[in-house]
Amino acid sequence: GRQLFVFLGGTIGNFSEQEADRFLRDLRAR
């Protein structure tokens, strides 16, 4: 079934640019 991933709170801002890129690519693979 369809998935909605939710990442709230502005937490993406706690990552450096490189960390955010790695995290989002890992998430994209899911």
mmCIF file of all heavy atoms, coordinates in Angstrom:
data_MODEL
# 
_entry.id   MODEL 
# 
loop_
_atom_site.group_PDB 
_atom_site.id 
_atom_site.type_symbol 
_atom_site.label_atom_id 
_atom_site.label_alt_id 
_atom_site.label_comp_id 
_atom_site.label_asym_id 
_atom_site.label_entity_id 
_atom_site.label_seq_id 
_atom_site.pdbx_PDB_ins_code 
_atom_site.Cartn_x 
_atom_site.Cartn_y 
_atom_site.Cartn_z 
_atom_site.occupancy 
_atom_site.B_iso_or_equiv 
_atom_site.pdbx_formal_charge 
_atom_site.auth_seq_id 
_atom_site.auth_comp_id 
_atom_site.auth_asym_id 
_atom_site.auth_atom_id 
_atom_site.pdbx_PDB_model_num 
ATOM 1   N N   . GLY A 1 1  ? 0.812  -1.212 0.000  1.00 0.00 ? 1  GLY A N   1 
ATOM 2   C CA  . GLY A 1 1  ? 0.000  0.000  0.000  1.00 0.00 ? 1  GLY A CA  1 
ATOM 3   C C   . GLY A 1 1  ? 0.844  1.260  0.000  1.00 0.00 ? 1  GLY A C   1 
ATOM 4   O O   . GLY A 1 1  ? 2.040  1.246  0.278  1.00 0.00 ? 1  GLY A O   1 
ATOM 5   N N   . ARG A 1 2  ? 0.187  2.370  -0.321 1.00 0.00 ? 2  ARG A N   1 
ATOM 6   C CA  . ARG A 1 2  ? 0.883  3.652  -0.455 1.00 0.00 ? 2  ARG A CA  1 
ATOM 7   C C   . ARG A 1 2  ? 1.398  4.131  0.908  1.00 0.00 ? 2  ARG A C   1 
ATOM 8   O O   . ARG A 1 2  ? 0.716  4.020  1.925  1.00 0.00 ? 2  ARG A O   1 
ATOM 9   C CB  . ARG A 1 2  ? -0.070 4.683  -1.044 1.00 0.00 ? 2  ARG A CB  1 
ATOM 10  C CG  . ARG A 1 2  ? 0.529  6.076  -1.172 1.00 0.00 ? 2  ARG A CG  1 
ATOM 11  C CD  . ARG A 1 2  ? -0.402 7.012  -1.897 1.00 0.00 ? 2  ARG A CD  1 
ATOM 12  N NE  . ARG A 1 2  ? -0.496 6.655  -3.308 1.00 0.00 ? 2  ARG A NE  1 
ATOM 13  C CZ  . ARG A 1 2  ? -1.313 7.230  -4.160 1.00 0.00 ? 2  ARG A CZ  1 
ATOM 14  N NH1 . ARG A 1 2  ? -2.139 8.181  -3.753 1.00 0.00 ? 2  ARG A NH1 1 
ATOM 15  N NH2 . ARG A 1 2  ? -1.331 6.856  -5.422 1.00 0.00 ? 2  ARG A NH2 1 
ATOM 16  N N   . GLN A 1 3  ? 2.590  4.716  0.884  1.00 0.00 ? 3  GLN A N   1 
ATOM 17  C CA  . GLN A 1 3  ? 3.231  5.209  2.097  1.00 0.00 ? 3  GLN A CA  1 
ATOM 18  C C   . GLN A 1 3  ? 3.347  6.733  2.053  1.00 0.00 ? 3  GLN A C   1 
ATOM 19  O O   . GLN A 1 3  ? 3.688  7.310  1.020  1.00 0.00 ? 3  GLN A O   1 
ATOM 20  C CB  . GLN A 1 3  ? 4.642  4.634  2.243  1.00 0.00 ? 3  GLN A CB  1 
ATOM 21  C CG  . GLN A 1 3  ? 4.709  3.116  2.240  1.00 0.00 ? 3  GLN A CG  1 
ATOM 22  C CD  . GLN A 1 3  ? 6.146  2.622  2.230  1.00 0.00 ? 3  GLN A CD  1 
ATOM 23  O OE1 . GLN A 1 3  ? 6.644  2.115  3.230  1.00 0.00 ? 3  GLN A OE1 1 
ATOM 24  N NE2 . GLN A 1 3  ? 6.831  2.784  1.095  1.00 0.00 ? 3  GLN A NE2 1 
ATOM 25  N N   . LEU A 1 4  ? 3.080  7.352  3.194  1.00 0.00 ? 4  LEU A N   1 
ATOM 26  C CA  . LEU A 1 4  ? 3.378  8.767  3.391  1.00 0.00 ? 4  LEU A CA  1 
ATOM 27  C C   . LEU A 1 4  ? 4.403  8.857  4.510  1.00 0.00 ? 4  LEU A C   1 
ATOM 28  O O   . LEU A 1 4  ? 4.111  8.546  5.666  1.00 0.00 ? 4  LEU A O   1 
ATOM 29  C CB  . LEU A 1 4  ? 2.111  9.555  3.772  1.00 0.00 ? 4  LEU A CB  1 
ATOM 30  C CG  . LEU A 1 4  ? 2.330  11.019 4.181  1.00 0.00 ? 4  LEU A CG  1 
ATOM 31  C CD1 . LEU A 1 4  ? 2.939  11.825 3.024  1.00 0.00 ? 4  LEU A CD1 1 
ATOM 32  C CD2 . LEU A 1 4  ? 1.025  11.661 4.663  1.00 0.00 ? 4  LEU A CD2 1 
ATOM 33  N N   . PHE A 1 5  ? 5.630  9.239  4.157  1.00 0.00 ? 5  PHE A N   1 
ATOM 34  C CA  . PHE A 1 5  ? 6.660  9.475  5.161  1.00 0.00 ? 5  PHE A CA  1 
ATOM 35  C C   . PHE A 1 5  ? 6.531  10.913 5.651  1.00 0.00 ? 5  PHE A C   1 
ATOM 36  O O   . PHE A 1 5  ? 6.343  11.840 4.853  1.00 0.00 ? 5  PHE A O   1 
ATOM 37  C CB  . PHE A 1 5  ? 8.054  9.247  4.569  1.00 0.00 ? 5  PHE A CB  1 
ATOM 38  C CG  . PHE A 1 5  ? 8.428  7.800  4.448  1.00 0.00 ? 5  PHE A CG  1 
ATOM 39  C CD1 . PHE A 1 5  ? 8.037  7.067  3.337  1.00 0.00 ? 5  PHE A CD1 1 
ATOM 40  C CD2 . PHE A 1 5  ? 9.159  7.172  5.443  1.00 0.00 ? 5  PHE A CD2 1 
ATOM 41  C CE1 . PHE A 1 5  ? 8.379  5.728  3.217  1.00 0.00 ? 5  PHE A CE1 1 
ATOM 42  C CE2 . PHE A 1 5  ? 9.498  5.831  5.334  1.00 0.00 ? 5  PHE A CE2 1 
ATOM 43  C CZ  . PHE A 1 5  ? 9.114  5.108  4.226  1.00 0.00 ? 5  PHE A CZ  1 
ATOM 44  N N   . VAL A 1 6  ? 6.636  11.089 6.958  1.00 0.00 ? 6  VAL A N   1 
ATOM 45  C CA  . VAL A 1 6  ? 6.454  12.397 7.576  1.00 0.00 ? 6  VAL A CA  1 
ATOM 46  C C   . VAL A 1 6  ? 7.690  12.722 8.406  1.00 0.00 ? 6  VAL A C   1 
ATOM 47  O O   . VAL A 1 6  ? 8.126  11.915 9.225  1.00 0.00 ? 6  VAL A O   1 
ATOM 48  C CB  . VAL A 1 6  ? 5.189  12.400 8.467  1.00 0.00 ? 6  VAL A CB  1 
ATOM 49  C CG1 . VAL A 1 6  ? 5.023  13.731 9.170  1.00 0.00 ? 6  VAL A CG1 1 
ATOM 50  C CG2 . VAL A 1 6  ? 3.948  12.077 7.640  1.00 0.00 ? 6  VAL A CG2 1 
ATOM 51  N N   . PHE A 1 7  ? 8.248  13.909 8.163  1.00 0.00 ? 7  PHE A N   1 
ATOM 52  C CA  . PHE A 1 7  ? 9.425  14.370 8.900  1.00 0.00 ? 7  PHE A CA  1 
ATOM 53  C C   . PHE A 1 7  ? 9.184  15.830 9.250  1.00 0.00 ? 7  PHE A C   1 
ATOM 54  O O   . PHE A 1 7  ? 9.439  16.727 8.451  1.00 0.00 ? 7  PHE A O   1 
ATOM 55  C CB  . PHE A 1 7  ? 10.681 14.187 8.054  1.00 0.00 ? 7  PHE A CB  1 
ATOM 56  C CG  . PHE A 1 7  ? 11.968 14.271 8.824  1.00 0.00 ? 7  PHE A CG  1 
ATOM 57  C CD1 . PHE A 1 7  ? 12.132 13.630 10.041 1.00 0.00 ? 7  PHE A CD1 1 
ATOM 58  C CD2 . PHE A 1 7  ? 13.040 14.989 8.307  1.00 0.00 ? 7  PHE A CD2 1 
ATOM 59  C CE1 . PHE A 1 7  ? 13.329 13.688 10.736 1.00 0.00 ? 7  PHE A CE1 1 
ATOM 60  C CE2 . PHE A 1 7  ? 14.247 15.062 8.994  1.00 0.00 ? 7  PHE A CE2 1 
ATOM 61  C CZ  . PHE A 1 7  ? 14.389 14.412 10.213 1.00 0.00 ? 7  PHE A CZ  1 
ATOM 62  N N   . LEU A 1 8  ? 8.674  16.058 10.458 1.00 0.00 ? 8  LEU A N   1 
ATOM 63  C CA  . LEU A 1 8  ? 8.176  17.368 10.863 1.00 0.00 ? 8  LEU A CA  1 
ATOM 64  C C   . LEU A 1 8  ? 9.144  18.076 11.804 1.00 0.00 ? 8  LEU A C   1 
ATOM 65  O O   . LEU A 1 8  ? 10.218 17.588 12.128 1.00 0.00 ? 8  LEU A O   1 
ATOM 66  C CB  . LEU A 1 8  ? 6.805  17.201 11.521 1.00 0.00 ? 8  LEU A CB  1 
ATOM 67  C CG  . LEU A 1 8  ? 5.684  16.611 10.652 1.00 0.00 ? 8  LEU A CG  1 
ATOM 68  C CD1 . LEU A 1 8  ? 4.415  16.423 11.469 1.00 0.00 ? 8  LEU A CD1 1 
ATOM 69  C CD2 . LEU A 1 8  ? 5.413  17.483 9.432  1.00 0.00 ? 8  LEU A CD2 1 
ATOM 70  N N   . GLY A 1 9  ? 8.714  19.266 12.241 1.00 0.00 ? 9  GLY A N   1 
ATOM 71  C CA  . GLY A 1 9  ? 9.430  19.970 13.294 1.00 0.00 ? 9  GLY A CA  1 
ATOM 72  C C   . GLY A 1 9  ? 10.645 20.752 12.838 1.00 0.00 ? 9  GLY A C   1 
ATOM 73  O O   . GLY A 1 9  ? 11.370 21.299 13.662 1.00 0.00 ? 9  GLY A O   1 
ATOM 74  N N   . GLY A 1 10 ? 10.904 20.802 11.535 1.00 0.00 ? 10 GLY A N   1 
ATOM 75  C CA  . GLY A 1 10 ? 12.117 21.460 11.083 1.00 0.00 ? 10 GLY A CA  1 
ATOM 76  C C   . GLY A 1 10 ? 13.374 20.693 11.407 1.00 0.00 ? 10 GLY A C   1 
ATOM 77  O O   . GLY A 1 10 ? 14.483 21.229 11.334 1.00 0.00 ? 10 GLY A O   1 
ATOM 78  N N   . THR A 1 11 ? 13.230 19.396 11.748 1.00 0.00 ? 11 THR A N   1 
ATOM 79  C CA  . THR A 1 11 ? 14.377 18.593 12.173 1.00 0.00 ? 11 THR A CA  1 
ATOM 80  C C   . THR A 1 11 ? 15.409 18.438 11.067 1.00 0.00 ? 11 THR A C   1 
ATOM 81  O O   . THR A 1 11 ? 16.597 18.239 11.359 1.00 0.00 ? 11 THR A O   1 
ATOM 82  C CB  . THR A 1 11 ? 13.896 17.213 12.661 1.00 0.00 ? 11 THR A CB  1 
ATOM 83  O OG1 . THR A 1 11 ? 12.874 17.402 13.643 1.00 0.00 ? 11 THR A OG1 1 
ATOM 84  C CG2 . THR A 1 11 ? 15.030 16.423 13.287 1.00 0.00 ? 11 THR A CG2 1 
ATOM 85  N N   . ILE A 1 12 ? 14.994 18.543 9.820  1.00 0.00 ? 12 ILE A N   1 
ATOM 86  C CA  . ILE A 1 12 ? 15.956 18.460 8.722  1.00 0.00 ? 12 ILE A CA  1 
ATOM 87  C C   . ILE A 1 12 ? 17.035 19.531 8.880  1.00 0.00 ? 12 ILE A C   1 
ATOM 88  O O   . ILE A 1 12 ? 18.173 19.357 8.422  1.00 0.00 ? 12 ILE A O   1 
ATOM 89  C CB  . ILE A 1 12 ? 15.243 18.588 7.353  1.00 0.00 ? 12 ILE A CB  1 
ATOM 90  C CG1 . ILE A 1 12 ? 16.175 18.214 6.204  1.00 0.00 ? 12 ILE A CG1 1 
ATOM 91  C CG2 . ILE A 1 12 ? 14.639 19.975 7.163  1.00 0.00 ? 12 ILE A CG2 1 
ATOM 92  C CD1 . ILE A 1 12 ? 16.609 16.780 6.183  1.00 0.00 ? 12 ILE A CD1 1 
ATOM 93  N N   . GLY A 1 13 ? 16.708 20.626 9.554  1.00 0.00 ? 13 GLY A N   1 
ATOM 94  C CA  . GLY A 1 13 ? 17.668 21.691 9.780  1.00 0.00 ? 13 GLY A CA  1 
ATOM 95  C C   . GLY A 1 13 ? 18.767 21.332 10.765 1.00 0.00 ? 13 GLY A C   1 
ATOM 96  O O   . GLY A 1 13 ? 19.786 22.033 10.835 1.00 0.00 ? 13 GLY A O   1 
ATOM 97  N N   . ASN A 1 14 ? 18.573 20.262 11.532 1.00 0.00 ? 14 ASN A N   1 
ATOM 98  C CA  . ASN A 1 14 ? 19.614 19.840 12.476 1.00 0.00 ? 14 ASN A CA  1 
ATOM 99  C C   . ASN A 1 14 ? 20.764 19.119 11.788 1.00 0.00 ? 14 ASN A C   1 
ATOM 100 O O   . ASN A 1 14 ? 21.787 18.825 12.418 1.00 0.00 ? 14 ASN A O   1 
ATOM 101 C CB  . ASN A 1 14 ? 19.023 18.922 13.551 1.00 0.00 ? 14 ASN A CB  1 
ATOM 102 C CG  . ASN A 1 14 ? 18.011 19.605 14.432 1.00 0.00 ? 14 ASN A CG  1 
ATOM 103 O OD1 . ASN A 1 14 ? 17.041 18.991 14.862 1.00 0.00 ? 14 ASN A OD1 1 
ATOM 104 N ND2 . ASN A 1 14 ? 18.195 20.880 14.720 1.00 0.00 ? 14 ASN A ND2 1 
ATOM 105 N N   . PHE A 1 15 ? 20.598 18.818 10.494 1.00 0.00 ? 15 PHE A N   1 
ATOM 106 C CA  . PHE A 1 15 ? 21.649 18.163 9.734  1.00 0.00 ? 15 PHE A CA  1 
ATOM 107 C C   . PHE A 1 15 ? 22.473 19.203 8.983  1.00 0.00 ? 15 PHE A C   1 
ATOM 108 O O   . PHE A 1 15 ? 21.933 20.210 8.493  1.00 0.00 ? 15 PHE A O   1 
ATOM 109 C CB  . PHE A 1 15 ? 21.052 17.209 8.686  1.00 0.00 ? 15 PHE A CB  1 
ATOM 110 C CG  . PHE A 1 15 ? 20.216 16.098 9.239  1.00 0.00 ? 15 PHE A CG  1 
ATOM 111 C CD1 . PHE A 1 15 ? 19.205 15.544 8.470  1.00 0.00 ? 15 PHE A CD1 1 
ATOM 112 C CD2 . PHE A 1 15 ? 20.434 15.591 10.505 1.00 0.00 ? 15 PHE A CD2 1 
ATOM 113 C CE1 . PHE A 1 15 ? 18.424 14.506 8.957  1.00 0.00 ? 15 PHE A CE1 1 
ATOM 114 C CE2 . PHE A 1 15 ? 19.667 14.554 11.002 1.00 0.00 ? 15 PHE A CE2 1 
ATOM 115 C CZ  . PHE A 1 15 ? 18.666 14.002 10.229 1.00 0.00 ? 15 PHE A CZ  1 
ATOM 116 N N   . SER A 1 16 ? 23.765 18.939 8.845  1.00 0.00 ? 16 SER A N   1 
ATOM 117 C CA  . SER A 1 16 ? 24.557 19.723 7.905  1.00 0.00 ? 16 SER A CA  1 
ATOM 118 C C   . SER A 1 16 ? 24.050 19.442 6.491  1.00 0.00 ? 16 SER A C   1 
ATOM 119 O O   . SER A 1 16 ? 23.256 18.508 6.272  1.00 0.00 ? 16 SER A O   1 
ATOM 120 C CB  . SER A 1 16 ? 26.035 19.349 8.009  1.00 0.00 ? 16 SER A CB  1 
ATOM 121 O OG  . SER A 1 16 ? 26.249 18.032 7.503  1.00 0.00 ? 16 SER A OG  1 
ATOM 122 N N   . GLU A 1 17 ? 24.505 20.229 5.528  1.00 0.00 ? 17 GLU A N   1 
ATOM 123 C CA  . GLU A 1 17 ? 24.057 20.011 4.154  1.00 0.00 ? 17 GLU A CA  1 
ATOM 124 C C   . GLU A 1 17 ? 24.396 18.607 3.684  1.00 0.00 ? 17 GLU A C   1 
ATOM 125 O O   . GLU A 1 17 ? 23.572 17.924 3.070  1.00 0.00 ? 17 GLU A O   1 
ATOM 126 C CB  . GLU A 1 17 ? 24.698 21.039 3.221  1.00 0.00 ? 17 GLU A CB  1 
ATOM 127 C CG  . GLU A 1 17 ? 24.234 20.924 1.779  1.00 0.00 ? 17 GLU A CG  1 
ATOM 128 C CD  . GLU A 1 17 ? 24.777 22.021 0.898  1.00 0.00 ? 17 GLU A CD  1 
ATOM 129 O OE1 . GLU A 1 17 ? 24.623 23.199 1.270  1.00 0.00 ? 17 GLU A OE1 1 
ATOM 130 O OE2 . GLU A 1 17 ? 25.347 21.701 -0.163 1.00 0.00 ? 17 GLU A OE2 1 
ATOM 131 N N   . GLN A 1 18 ? 25.594 18.134 4.001  1.00 0.00 ? 18 GLN A N   1 
ATOM 132 C CA  . GLN A 1 18 ? 26.010 16.792 3.574  1.00 0.00 ? 18 GLN A CA  1 
ATOM 133 C C   . GLN A 1 18 ? 25.190 15.718 4.275  1.00 0.00 ? 18 GLN A C   1 
ATOM 134 O O   . GLN A 1 18 ? 24.781 14.722 3.654  1.00 0.00 ? 18 GLN A O   1 
ATOM 135 C CB  . GLN A 1 18 ? 27.497 16.585 3.855  1.00 0.00 ? 18 GLN A CB  1 
ATOM 136 C CG  . GLN A 1 18 ? 28.439 17.502 3.079  1.00 0.00 ? 18 GLN A CG  1 
ATOM 137 C CD  . GLN A 1 18 ? 28.479 18.945 3.619  1.00 0.00 ? 18 GLN A CD  1 
ATOM 138 O OE1 . GLN A 1 18 ? 28.091 19.212 4.766  1.00 0.00 ? 18 GLN A OE1 1 
ATOM 139 N NE2 . GLN A 1 18 ? 28.943 19.855 2.776  1.00 0.00 ? 18 GLN A NE2 1 
ATOM 140 N N   . GLU A 1 19 ? 24.933 15.901 5.567  1.00 0.00 ? 19 GLU A N   1 
ATOM 141 C CA  . GLU A 1 19 ? 24.127 14.930 6.312  1.00 0.00 ? 19 GLU A CA  1 
ATOM 142 C C   . GLU A 1 19 ? 22.700 14.892 5.795  1.00 0.00 ? 19 GLU A C   1 
ATOM 143 O O   . GLU A 1 19 ? 22.100 13.814 5.680  1.00 0.00 ? 19 GLU A O   1 
ATOM 144 C CB  . GLU A 1 19 ? 24.150 15.276 7.803  1.00 0.00 ? 19 GLU A CB  1 
ATOM 145 C CG  . GLU A 1 19 ? 25.485 15.052 8.482  1.00 0.00 ? 19 GLU A CG  1 
ATOM 146 C CD  . GLU A 1 19 ? 25.550 15.693 9.846  1.00 0.00 ? 19 GLU A CD  1 
ATOM 147 O OE1 . GLU A 1 19 ? 24.755 16.624 10.137 1.00 0.00 ? 19 GLU A OE1 1 
ATOM 148 O OE2 . GLU A 1 19 ? 26.421 15.276 10.639 1.00 0.00 ? 19 GLU A OE2 1 
ATOM 149 N N   . ALA A 1 20 ? 22.132 16.063 5.500  1.00 0.00 ? 20 ALA A N   1 
ATOM 150 C CA  . ALA A 1 20 ? 20.763 16.120 4.976  1.00 0.00 ? 20 ALA A CA  1 
ATOM 151 C C   . ALA A 1 20 ? 20.669 15.424 3.625  1.00 0.00 ? 20 ALA A C   1 
ATOM 152 O O   . ALA A 1 20 ? 19.713 14.690 3.352  1.00 0.00 ? 20 ALA A O   1 
ATOM 153 C CB  . ALA A 1 20 ? 20.304 17.572 4.860  1.00 0.00 ? 20 ALA A CB  1 
ATOM 154 N N   . ASP A 1 21 ? 21.668 15.647 2.774  1.00 0.00 ? 21 ASP A N   1 
ATOM 155 C CA  . ASP A 1 21 ? 21.661 14.984 1.460  1.00 0.00 ? 21 ASP A CA  1 
ATOM 156 C C   . ASP A 1 21 ? 21.695 13.467 1.621  1.00 0.00 ? 21 ASP A C   1 
ATOM 157 O O   . ASP A 1 21 ? 20.947 12.739 0.944  1.00 0.00 ? 21 ASP A O   1 
ATOM 158 C CB  . ASP A 1 21 ? 22.856 15.453 0.629  1.00 0.00 ? 21 ASP A CB  1 
ATOM 159 C CG  . ASP A 1 21 ? 22.693 16.869 0.101  1.00 0.00 ? 21 ASP A CG  1 
ATOM 160 O OD1 . ASP A 1 21 ? 21.588 17.438 0.246  1.00 0.00 ? 21 ASP A OD1 1 
ATOM 161 O OD2 . ASP A 1 21 ? 23.665 17.408 -0.456 1.00 0.00 ? 21 ASP A OD2 1 
ATOM 162 N N   . ARG A 1 22 ? 22.548 12.982 2.516  1.00 0.00 ? 22 ARG A N   1 
ATOM 163 C CA  . ARG A 1 22 ? 22.642 11.535 2.717  1.00 0.00 ? 22 ARG A CA  1 
ATOM 164 C C   . ARG A 1 22 ? 21.338 10.979 3.285  1.00 0.00 ? 22 ARG A C   1 
ATOM 165 O O   . ARG A 1 22 ? 20.836 9.944  2.815  1.00 0.00 ? 22 ARG A O   1 
ATOM 166 C CB  . ARG A 1 22 ? 23.798 11.219 3.670  1.00 0.00 ? 22 ARG A CB  1 
ATOM 167 C CG  . ARG A 1 22 ? 23.949 9.726  3.968  1.00 0.00 ? 22 ARG A CG  1 
ATOM 168 C CD  . ARG A 1 22 ? 25.009 9.482  5.012  1.00 0.00 ? 22 ARG A CD  1 
ATOM 169 N NE  . ARG A 1 22 ? 25.151 8.051  5.279  1.00 0.00 ? 22 ARG A NE  1 
ATOM 170 C CZ  . ARG A 1 22 ? 25.925 7.550  6.236  1.00 0.00 ? 22 ARG A CZ  1 
ATOM 171 N NH1 . ARG A 1 22 ? 26.624 8.340  7.008  1.00 0.00 ? 22 ARG A NH1 1 
ATOM 172 N NH2 . ARG A 1 22 ? 25.993 6.243  6.408  1.00 0.00 ? 22 ARG A NH2 1 
ATOM 173 N N   . PHE A 1 23 ? 20.776 11.664 4.264  1.00 0.00 ? 23 PHE A N   1 
ATOM 174 C CA  . PHE A 1 23 ? 19.534 11.207 4.884  1.00 0.00 ? 23 PHE A CA  1 
ATOM 175 C C   . PHE A 1 23 ? 18.395 11.165 3.864  1.00 0.00 ? 23 PHE A C   1 
ATOM 176 O O   . PHE A 1 23 ? 17.653 10.179 3.774  1.00 0.00 ? 23 PHE A O   1 
ATOM 177 C CB  . PHE A 1 23 ? 19.180 12.125 6.048  1.00 0.00 ? 23 PHE A CB  1 
ATOM 178 C CG  . PHE A 1 23 ? 17.805 11.913 6.599  1.00 0.00 ? 23 PHE A CG  1 
ATOM 179 C CD1 . PHE A 1 23 ? 17.531 10.836 7.426  1.00 0.00 ? 23 PHE A CD1 1 
ATOM 180 C CD2 . PHE A 1 23 ? 16.770 12.792 6.287  1.00 0.00 ? 23 PHE A CD2 1 
ATOM 181 C CE1 . PHE A 1 23 ? 16.254 10.638 7.926  1.00 0.00 ? 23 PHE A CE1 1 
ATOM 182 C CE2 . PHE A 1 23 ? 15.493 12.597 6.783  1.00 0.00 ? 23 PHE A CE2 1 
ATOM 183 C CZ  . PHE A 1 23 ? 15.242 11.515 7.599  1.00 0.00 ? 23 PHE A CZ  1 
ATOM 184 N N   . LEU A 1 24 ? 18.236 12.222 3.085  1.00 0.00 ? 24 LEU A N   1 
ATOM 185 C CA  . LEU A 1 24 ? 17.140 12.286 2.129  1.00 0.00 ? 24 LEU A CA  1 
ATOM 186 C C   . LEU A 1 24 ? 17.312 11.272 0.995  1.00 0.00 ? 24 LEU A C   1 
ATOM 187 O O   . LEU A 1 24 ? 16.328 10.719 0.502  1.00 0.00 ? 24 LEU A O   1 
ATOM 188 C CB  . LEU A 1 24 ? 17.008 13.706 1.572  1.00 0.00 ? 24 LEU A CB  1 
ATOM 189 C CG  . LEU A 1 24 ? 16.450 14.736 2.566  1.00 0.00 ? 24 LEU A CG  1 
ATOM 190 C CD1 . LEU A 1 24 ? 16.585 16.138 2.013  1.00 0.00 ? 24 LEU A CD1 1 
ATOM 191 C CD2 . LEU A 1 24 ? 14.999 14.431 2.928  1.00 0.00 ? 24 LEU A CD2 1 
ATOM 192 N N   . ARG A 1 25 ? 18.550 11.013 0.600  1.00 0.00 ? 25 ARG A N   1 
ATOM 193 C CA  . ARG A 1 25 ? 18.768 9.978  -0.416 1.00 0.00 ? 25 ARG A CA  1 
ATOM 194 C C   . ARG A 1 25 ? 18.408 8.598  0.130  1.00 0.00 ? 25 ARG A C   1 
ATOM 195 O O   . ARG A 1 25 ? 17.845 7.760  -0.585 1.00 0.00 ? 25 ARG A O   1 
ATOM 196 C CB  . ARG A 1 25 ? 20.218 10.004 -0.896 1.00 0.00 ? 25 ARG A CB  1 
ATOM 197 C CG  . ARG A 1 25 ? 20.562 11.197 -1.772 1.00 0.00 ? 25 ARG A CG  1 
ATOM 198 C CD  . ARG A 1 25 ? 21.945 11.068 -2.391 1.00 0.00 ? 25 ARG A CD  1 
ATOM 199 N NE  . ARG A 1 25 ? 22.303 12.278 -3.114 1.00 0.00 ? 25 ARG A NE  1 
ATOM 200 C CZ  . ARG A 1 25 ? 23.255 13.136 -2.726 1.00 0.00 ? 25 ARG A CZ  1 
ATOM 201 N NH1 . ARG A 1 25 ? 23.954 12.911 -1.622 1.00 0.00 ? 25 ARG A NH1 1 
ATOM 202 N NH2 . ARG A 1 25 ? 23.517 14.202 -3.445 1.00 0.00 ? 25 ARG A NH2 1 
ATOM 203 N N   . ASP A 1 26 ? 18.759 8.355  1.384  1.00 0.00 ? 26 ASP A N   1 
ATOM 204 C CA  . ASP A 1 26 ? 18.392 7.088  2.015  1.00 0.00 ? 26 ASP A CA  1 
ATOM 205 C C   . ASP A 1 26 ? 16.872 6.959  2.097  1.00 0.00 ? 26 ASP A C   1 
ATOM 206 O O   . ASP A 1 26 ? 16.300 5.901  1.816  1.00 0.00 ? 26 ASP A O   1 
ATOM 207 C CB  . ASP A 1 26 ? 19.030 7.019  3.412  1.00 0.00 ? 26 ASP A CB  1 
ATOM 208 C CG  . ASP A 1 26 ? 18.805 5.686  4.106  1.00 0.00 ? 26 ASP A CG  1 
ATOM 209 O OD1 . ASP A 1 26 ? 18.738 4.646  3.413  1.00 0.00 ? 26 ASP A OD1 1 
ATOM 210 O OD2 . ASP A 1 26 ? 18.709 5.673  5.347  1.00 0.00 ? 26 ASP A OD2 1 
ATOM 211 N N   . LEU A 1 27 ? 16.214 8.061  2.457  1.00 0.00 ? 27 LEU A N   1 
ATOM 212 C CA  . LEU A 1 27 ? 14.756 8.049  2.524  1.00 0.00 ? 27 LEU A CA  1 
ATOM 213 C C   . LEU A 1 27 ? 14.150 7.852  1.134  1.00 0.00 ? 27 LEU A C   1 
ATOM 214 O O   . LEU A 1 27 ? 13.203 7.071  0.962  1.00 0.00 ? 27 LEU A O   1 
ATOM 215 C CB  . LEU A 1 27 ? 14.275 9.365  3.133  1.00 0.00 ? 27 LEU A CB  1 
ATOM 216 C CG  . LEU A 1 27 ? 12.766 9.558  3.270  1.00 0.00 ? 27 LEU A CG  1 
ATOM 217 C CD1 . LEU A 1 27 ? 12.132 8.419  4.053  1.00 0.00 ? 27 LEU A CD1 1 
ATOM 218 C CD2 . LEU A 1 27 ? 12.470 10.897 3.931  1.00 0.00 ? 27 LEU A CD2 1 
ATOM 219 N N   . ARG A 1 28 ? 14.704 8.526  0.139  1.00 0.00 ? 28 ARG A N   1 
ATOM 220 C CA  . ARG A 1 28 ? 14.197 8.379  -1.228 1.00 0.00 ? 28 ARG A CA  1 
ATOM 221 C C   . ARG A 1 28 ? 14.235 6.915  -1.680 1.00 0.00 ? 28 ARG A C   1 
ATOM 222 O O   . ARG A 1 28 ? 13.327 6.443  -2.385 1.00 0.00 ? 28 ARG A O   1 
ATOM 223 C CB  . ARG A 1 28 ? 15.037 9.264  -2.170 1.00 0.00 ? 28 ARG A CB  1 
ATOM 224 C CG  . ARG A 1 28 ? 14.888 8.985  -3.651 1.00 0.00 ? 28 ARG A CG  1 
ATOM 225 C CD  . ARG A 1 28 ? 13.497 9.274  -4.168 1.00 0.00 ? 28 ARG A CD  1 
ATOM 226 N NE  . ARG A 1 28 ? 13.351 8.912  -5.571 1.00 0.00 ? 28 ARG A NE  1 
ATOM 227 C CZ  . ARG A 1 28 ? 13.043 7.709  -6.018 1.00 0.00 ? 28 ARG A CZ  1 
ATOM 228 N NH1 . ARG A 1 28 ? 12.872 6.703  -5.170 1.00 0.00 ? 28 ARG A NH1 1 
ATOM 229 N NH2 . ARG A 1 28 ? 12.910 7.485  -7.306 1.00 0.00 ? 28 ARG A NH2 1 
ATOM 230 N N   . ALA A 1 29 ? 15.256 6.190  -1.256 1.00 0.00 ? 29 ALA A N   1 
ATOM 231 C CA  . ALA A 1 29 ? 15.384 4.780  -1.647 1.00 0.00 ? 29 ALA A CA  1 
ATOM 232 C C   . ALA A 1 29 ? 14.277 3.922  -1.061 1.00 0.00 ? 29 ALA A C   1 
ATOM 233 O O   . ALA A 1 29 ? 14.024 2.812  -1.548 1.00 0.00 ? 29 ALA A O   1 
ATOM 234 C CB  . ALA A 1 29 ? 16.751 4.240  -1.213 1.00 0.00 ? 29 ALA A CB  1 
ATOM 235 N N   . ARG A 1 30 ? 13.595 4.407  -0.017 1.00 0.00 ? 30 ARG A N   1 
ATOM 236 C CA  . ARG A 1 30 ? 12.519 3.647  0.618  1.00 0.00 ? 30 ARG A CA  1 
ATOM 237 C C   . ARG A 1 30 ? 11.171 3.900  -0.057 1.00 0.00 ? 30 ARG A C   1 
ATOM 238 O O   . ARG A 1 30 ? 10.209 3.190  0.220  1.00 0.00 ? 30 ARG A O   1 
ATOM 239 C CB  . ARG A 1 30 ? 12.390 4.024  2.112  1.00 0.00 ? 30 ARG A CB  1 
ATOM 240 C CG  . ARG A 1 30 ? 13.675 3.908  2.898  1.00 0.00 ? 30 ARG A CG  1 
ATOM 241 C CD  . ARG A 1 30 ? 14.244 2.515  2.872  1.00 0.00 ? 30 ARG A CD  1 
ATOM 242 N NE  . ARG A 1 30 ? 13.296 1.540  3.400  1.00 0.00 ? 30 ARG A NE  1 
ATOM 243 C CZ  . ARG A 1 30 ? 13.408 0.228  3.222  1.00 0.00 ? 30 ARG A CZ  1 
ATOM 244 N NH1 . ARG A 1 30 ? 14.401 -0.255 2.515  1.00 0.00 ? 30 ARG A NH1 1 
ATOM 245 N NH2 . ARG A 1 30 ? 12.533 -0.596 3.749  1.00 0.00 ? 30 ARG A NH2 1 
# 
